[in-house]
């Protein structure tokens, strides 16, 4: 049985010095615990192995770890200046009307007041209206339910960012 060669981007990631690998993983997710788990799993044979490790690490994050991860995400509709990842991911809000942007800001503030953190959603491929509708709906959730939705959304974001990372390292 022959083994499949490790894809080039993944081979480069596996070969990075620990500090460099930590830095690129931290760009994908601000959770120190998540980064540590993914570093500990190197080298990865396939991109799927890396994504599975990401999902497992995400499932194991504590509430404090989730808070740390969420702190790395700007509010929807206000991507961090100089952060091409958040601008790219929130592209659906870029052409939104002033009215929609104002409504999203109000929803972000209401959400943050209720849950104590930014409204987090995997915004890639979503329109401004879809993000607004999700924010409206999720405001009605209990905190425990919302924490699990956030965990799922972070997992989706991490997978997208890991795929992009493997294309760039």
C-alpha atoms as a PDB file:
ATOM      1  CA  UNK A   1       0.000   0.000   0.000  1.00  0.00           C
ATOM      2  CA  UNK A   2       1.461   3.354  -1.018  1.00  0.00           C
ATOM      3  CA  UNK A   3       1.002   6.432   1.076  1.00  0.00           C
ATOM      4  CA  UNK A   4      -0.409   9.615  -0.390  1.00  0.00           C
ATOM      5  CA  UNK A   5       2.083  12.477  -0.235  1.00  0.00           C
ATOM      6  CA  UNK A   6       1.265  15.317   2.130  1.00  0.00           C
ATOM      7  CA  UNK A   7      -0.136  18.302   0.185  1.00  0.00           C
ATOM      8  CA  UNK A   8       2.481  21.073  -0.275  1.00  0.00           C
ATOM      9  CA  UNK A   9       0.734  23.706   1.874  1.00  0.00           C
ATOM     10  CA  UNK A  10       0.267  21.222   4.694  1.00  0.00           C
ATOM     11  CA  UNK A  11       3.890  20.048   4.388  1.00  0.00           C
ATOM     12  CA  UNK A  12       5.024  23.683   4.705  1.00  0.00           C
ATOM     13  CA  UNK A  13       2.753  24.174   7.730  1.00  0.00           C
ATOM     14  CA  UNK A  14       4.078  20.992   9.363  1.00  0.00           C
ATOM     15  CA  UNK A  15       7.657  22.192   8.760  1.00  0.00           C
ATOM     16  CA  UNK A  16       7.165  25.623  10.348  1.00  0.00           C
ATOM     17  CA  UNK A  17       9.016  26.297  13.577  1.00  0.00           C
ATOM     18  CA  UNK A  18       6.636  26.096  16.531  1.00  0.00           C
ATOM     19  CA  UNK A  19       6.547  29.866  17.070  1.00  0.00           C
ATOM     20  CA  UNK A  20       5.768  30.525  13.397  1.00  0.00           C
ATOM     21  CA  UNK A  21       3.117  27.786  13.323  1.00  0.00           C
ATOM     22  CA  UNK A  22       1.594  29.212  16.500  1.00  0.00           C
ATOM     23  CA  UNK A  23       1.431  32.670  14.922  1.00  0.00           C
ATOM     24  CA  UNK A  24      -0.351  31.487  11.761  1.00  0.00           C
ATOM     25  CA  UNK A  25      -2.782  29.367  13.778  1.00  0.00           C
ATOM     26  CA  UNK A  26      -3.500  32.316  16.060  1.00  0.00           C
ATOM     27  CA  UNK A  27      -4.517  34.294  12.965  1.00  0.00           C
ATOM     28  CA  UNK A  28      -7.106  31.597  12.278  1.00  0.00           C
ATOM     29  CA  UNK A  29      -8.403  31.411  15.866  1.00  0.00           C
ATOM     30  CA  UNK A  30      -7.572  33.545  18.896  1.00  0.00           C
ATOM     31  CA  UNK A  31      -8.012  30.677  21.373  1.00  0.00           C
ATOM     32  CA  UNK A  32      -4.692  29.743  22.977  1.00  0.00           C
ATOM     33  CA  UNK A  33      -6.063  26.293  23.885  1.00  0.00           C
ATOM     34  CA  UNK A  34      -7.146  25.630  20.274  1.00  0.00           C
ATOM     35  CA  UNK A  35      -3.737  26.704  18.951  1.00  0.00           C
ATOM     36  CA  UNK A  36      -1.940  24.498  21.496  1.00  0.00           C
ATOM     37  CA  UNK A  37      -4.029  21.449  20.551  1.00  0.00           C
ATOM     38  CA  UNK A  38      -3.348  21.907  16.845  1.00  0.00           C
ATOM     39  CA  UNK A  39       0.366  22.432  17.439  1.00  0.00           C
ATOM     40  CA  UNK A  40       0.511  19.273  19.536  1.00  0.00           C
ATOM     41  CA  UNK A  41      -1.014  17.252  16.698  1.00  0.00           C
ATOM     42  CA  UNK A  42       1.627  18.107  14.113  1.00  0.00           C
ATOM     43  CA  UNK A  43       2.615  16.755  11.715  1.00  0.00           C
ATOM     44  CA  UNK A  44      -0.700  16.263   9.919  1.00  0.00           C
ATOM     45  CA  UNK A  45      -0.906  13.840   7.009  1.00  0.00           C
ATOM     46  CA  UNK A  46      -3.931  15.405   5.294  1.00  0.00           C
ATOM     47  CA  UNK A  47      -5.917  18.620   5.393  1.00  0.00           C
ATOM     48  CA  UNK A  48      -8.848  16.538   6.662  1.00  0.00           C
ATOM     49  CA  UNK A  49      -6.687  15.397   9.595  1.00  0.00           C
ATOM     50  CA  UNK A  50      -5.971  19.041  10.430  1.00  0.00           C
ATOM     51  CA  UNK A  51      -9.655  19.965  10.178  1.00  0.00           C
ATOM     52  CA  UNK A  52     -10.654  17.001  12.337  1.00  0.00           C
ATOM     53  CA  UNK A  53      -8.102  18.095  14.946  1.00  0.00           C
ATOM     54  CA  UNK A  54      -9.571  21.606  14.757  1.00  0.00           C
ATOM     55  CA  UNK A  55     -13.106  20.287  15.279  1.00  0.00           C
ATOM     56  CA  UNK A  56     -11.993  18.158  18.234  1.00  0.00           C
ATOM     57  CA  UNK A  57     -10.148  21.076  19.812  1.00  0.00           C
ATOM     58  CA  UNK A  58     -13.184  23.320  19.271  1.00  0.00           C
ATOM     59  CA  UNK A  59     -15.476  20.790  20.952  1.00  0.00           C
ATOM     60  CA  UNK A  60     -13.191  20.739  23.996  1.00  0.00           C
ATOM     61  CA  UNK A  61     -12.944  24.520  24.488  1.00  0.00           C
ATOM     62  CA  UNK A  62     -14.161  25.813  27.821  1.00  0.00           C
ATOM     63  CA  UNK A  63     -16.428  28.832  28.099  1.00  0.00           C
ATOM     64  CA  UNK A  64     -13.342  30.969  28.833  1.00  0.00           C
ATOM     65  CA  UNK A  65     -11.576  29.539  25.771  1.00  0.00           C
ATOM     66  CA  UNK A  66     -14.616  30.391  23.628  1.00  0.00           C
ATOM     67  CA  UNK A  67     -14.595  33.930  25.021  1.00  0.00           C
ATOM     68  CA  UNK A  68     -10.934  34.244  24.072  1.00  0.00           C
ATOM     69  CA  UNK A  69     -11.656  32.963  20.555  1.00  0.00           C
ATOM     70  CA  UNK A  70     -14.581  35.358  20.100  1.00  0.00           C
ATOM     71  CA  UNK A  71     -12.469  38.302  21.223  1.00  0.00           C
ATOM     72  CA  UNK A  72     -10.513  37.855  17.992  1.00  0.00           C
ATOM     73  CA  UNK A  73     -13.580  38.610  15.866  1.00  0.00           C
ATOM     74  CA  UNK A  74     -14.857  42.098  15.061  1.00  0.00           C
ATOM     75  CA  UNK A  75     -18.595  42.810  15.037  1.00  0.00           C
ATOM     76  CA  UNK A  76     -20.479  41.988  11.842  1.00  0.00           C
ATOM     77  CA  UNK A  77     -20.549  45.057   9.658  1.00  0.00           C
ATOM     78  CA  UNK A  78     -17.374  46.492  11.172  1.00  0.00           C
ATOM     79  CA  UNK A  79     -14.391  44.435   9.999  1.00  0.00           C
ATOM     80  CA  UNK A  80     -11.157  45.221  11.792  1.00  0.00           C
ATOM     81  CA  UNK A  81      -9.097  47.849   9.938  1.00  0.00           C
ATOM     82  CA  UNK A  82      -6.142  46.245   8.213  1.00  0.00           C
ATOM     83  CA  UNK A  83      -7.595  42.736   8.656  1.00  0.00           C
ATOM     84  CA  UNK A  84      -8.191  41.312   5.189  1.00  0.00           C
ATOM     85  CA  UNK A  85      -9.662  38.083   6.618  1.00  0.00           C
ATOM     86  CA  UNK A  86     -12.513  39.826   8.436  1.00  0.00           C
ATOM     87  CA  UNK A  87     -13.160  42.138   5.469  1.00  0.00           C
ATOM     88  CA  UNK A  88     -13.258  39.146   3.093  1.00  0.00           C
ATOM     89  CA  UNK A  89     -15.466  37.104   5.407  1.00  0.00           C
ATOM     90  CA  UNK A  90     -17.897  39.977   5.951  1.00  0.00           C
ATOM     91  CA  UNK A  91     -18.106  40.913   2.269  1.00  0.00           C
ATOM     92  CA  UNK A  92     -21.878  40.409   2.418  1.00  0.00           C
ATOM     93  CA  UNK A  93     -22.189  43.571   4.508  1.00  0.00           C
ATOM     94  CA  UNK A  94     -19.904  45.670   2.287  1.00  0.00           C
ATOM     95  CA  UNK A  95     -22.658  46.757  -0.111  1.00  0.00           C
ATOM     96  CA  UNK A  96     -25.424  46.857   2.478  1.00  0.00           C
ATOM     97  CA  UNK A  97     -27.630  49.921   2.715  1.00  0.00           C
ATOM     98  CA  UNK A  98     -27.111  52.430   5.485  1.00  0.00           C
ATOM     99  CA  UNK A  99     -30.388  51.248   6.983  1.00  0.00           C
ATOM    100  CA  UNK A 100     -29.236  47.611   7.076  1.00  0.00           C
ATOM    101  CA  UNK A 101     -25.862  48.595   8.545  1.00  0.00           C
ATOM    102  CA  UNK A 102     -27.604  50.645  11.258  1.00  0.00           C
ATOM    103  CA  UNK A 103     -29.945  47.759  12.030  1.00  0.00           C
ATOM    104  CA  UNK A 104     -26.990  45.346  12.222  1.00  0.00           C
ATOM    105  CA  UNK A 105     -25.210  47.708  14.614  1.00  0.00           C
ATOM    106  CA  UNK A 106     -28.286  47.819  16.862  1.00  0.00           C
ATOM    107  CA  UNK A 107     -28.592  44.028  16.739  1.00  0.00           C
ATOM    108  CA  UNK A 108     -24.876  43.629  17.531  1.00  0.00           C
ATOM    109  CA  UNK A 109     -25.270  45.889  20.572  1.00  0.00           C
ATOM    110  CA  UNK A 110     -28.407  44.080  21.790  1.00  0.00           C
ATOM    111  CA  UNK A 111     -26.704  40.725  21.299  1.00  0.00           C
ATOM    112  CA  UNK A 112     -23.577  41.835  23.120  1.00  0.00           C
ATOM    113  CA  UNK A 113     -25.640  43.182  26.001  1.00  0.00           C
ATOM    114  CA  UNK A 114     -27.555  39.906  26.315  1.00  0.00           C
ATOM    115  CA  UNK A 115     -24.691  37.433  25.819  1.00  0.00           C
ATOM    116  CA  UNK A 116     -21.595  39.444  26.794  1.00  0.00           C
ATOM    117  CA  UNK A 117     -19.739  38.958  23.498  1.00  0.00           C
ATOM    118  CA  UNK A 118     -19.936  39.838  19.817  1.00  0.00           C
ATOM    119  CA  UNK A 119     -22.515  38.236  17.578  1.00  0.00           C
ATOM    120  CA  UNK A 120     -20.492  35.560  15.835  1.00  0.00           C
ATOM    121  CA  UNK A 121     -21.541  33.901  12.612  1.00  0.00           C
ATOM    122  CA  UNK A 122     -19.672  32.283   9.763  1.00  0.00           C
ATOM    123  CA  UNK A 123     -20.306  35.223   7.430  1.00  0.00           C
ATOM    124  CA  UNK A 124     -18.551  33.784   4.385  1.00  0.00           C
ATOM    125  CA  UNK A 125     -21.034  33.613   1.527  1.00  0.00           C
ATOM    126  CA  UNK A 126     -23.879  35.215   3.491  1.00  0.00           C
ATOM    127  CA  UNK A 127     -25.666  38.394   2.535  1.00  0.00           C
ATOM    128  CA  UNK A 128     -26.162  41.256   4.935  1.00  0.00           C
ATOM    129  CA  UNK A 129     -29.840  40.348   5.154  1.00  0.00           C
ATOM    130  CA  UNK A 130     -29.031  36.739   6.049  1.00  0.00           C
ATOM    131  CA  UNK A 131     -26.690  37.865   8.829  1.00  0.00           C
ATOM    132  CA  UNK A 132     -29.298  40.329  10.130  1.00  0.00           C
ATOM    133  CA  UNK A 133     -31.975  37.637  10.126  1.00  0.00           C
ATOM    134  CA  UNK A 134     -29.684  35.237  11.995  1.00  0.00           C
ATOM    135  CA  UNK A 135     -28.890  37.898  14.592  1.00  0.00           C
ATOM    136  CA  UNK A 136     -32.600  38.600  15.101  1.00  0.00           C
ATOM    137  CA  UNK A 137     -33.357  34.904  15.510  1.00  0.00           C
ATOM    138  CA  UNK A 138     -30.440  34.148  17.808  1.00  0.00           C
ATOM    139  CA  UNK A 139     -31.280  36.991  20.191  1.00  0.00           C
ATOM    140  CA  UNK A 140     -34.118  34.764  21.393  1.00  0.00           C
ATOM    141  CA  UNK A 141     -31.800  31.910  22.371  1.00  0.00           C
ATOM    142  CA  UNK A 142     -30.922  30.903  25.902  1.00  0.00           C
ATOM    143  CA  UNK A 143     -27.247  31.532  26.739  1.00  0.00           C
ATOM    144  CA  UNK A 144     -26.424  27.808  26.810  1.00  0.00           C
ATOM    145  CA  UNK A 145     -27.949  27.262  23.362  1.00  0.00           C
ATOM    146  CA  UNK A 146     -26.190  30.310  21.978  1.00  0.00           C
ATOM    147  CA  UNK A 147     -22.823  29.147  23.315  1.00  0.00           C
ATOM    148  CA  UNK A 148     -23.172  25.916  21.332  1.00  0.00           C
ATOM    149  CA  UNK A 149     -24.192  27.805  18.182  1.00  0.00           C
ATOM    150  CA  UNK A 150     -21.136  30.045  18.622  1.00  0.00           C
ATOM    151  CA  UNK A 151     -18.942  26.949  18.997  1.00  0.00           C
ATOM    152  CA  UNK A 152     -20.348  25.581  15.720  1.00  0.00           C
ATOM    153  CA  UNK A 153     -19.924  28.893  13.907  1.00  0.00           C
ATOM    154  CA  UNK A 154     -16.335  29.224  15.155  1.00  0.00           C
ATOM    155  CA  UNK A 155     -15.635  25.719  13.908  1.00  0.00           C
ATOM    156  CA  UNK A 156     -16.889  26.670  10.431  1.00  0.00           C
ATOM    157  CA  UNK A 157     -14.784  29.842  10.433  1.00  0.00           C
ATOM    158  CA  UNK A 158     -11.713  27.918  11.573  1.00  0.00           C
ATOM    159  CA  UNK A 159     -12.108  25.353   8.775  1.00  0.00           C
ATOM    160  CA  UNK A 160     -12.328  28.127   6.154  1.00  0.00           C
ATOM    161  CA  UNK A 161      -9.328  29.899   7.613  1.00  0.00           C
ATOM    162  CA  UNK A 162      -7.280  26.686   7.841  1.00  0.00           C
ATOM    163  CA  UNK A 163      -7.993  25.928   4.177  1.00  0.00           C
ATOM    164  CA  UNK A 164      -6.843  29.430   3.261  1.00  0.00           C
ATOM    165  CA  UNK A 165      -3.776  29.059   5.482  1.00  0.00           C
ATOM    166  CA  UNK A 166      -2.771  25.882   3.666  1.00  0.00           C
ATOM    167  CA  UNK A 167      -3.016  27.750   0.377  1.00  0.00           C
ATOM    168  CA  UNK A 168      -0.716  30.535   1.602  1.00  0.00           C
ATOM    169  CA  UNK A 169       2.019  28.902   3.735  1.00  0.00           C
END
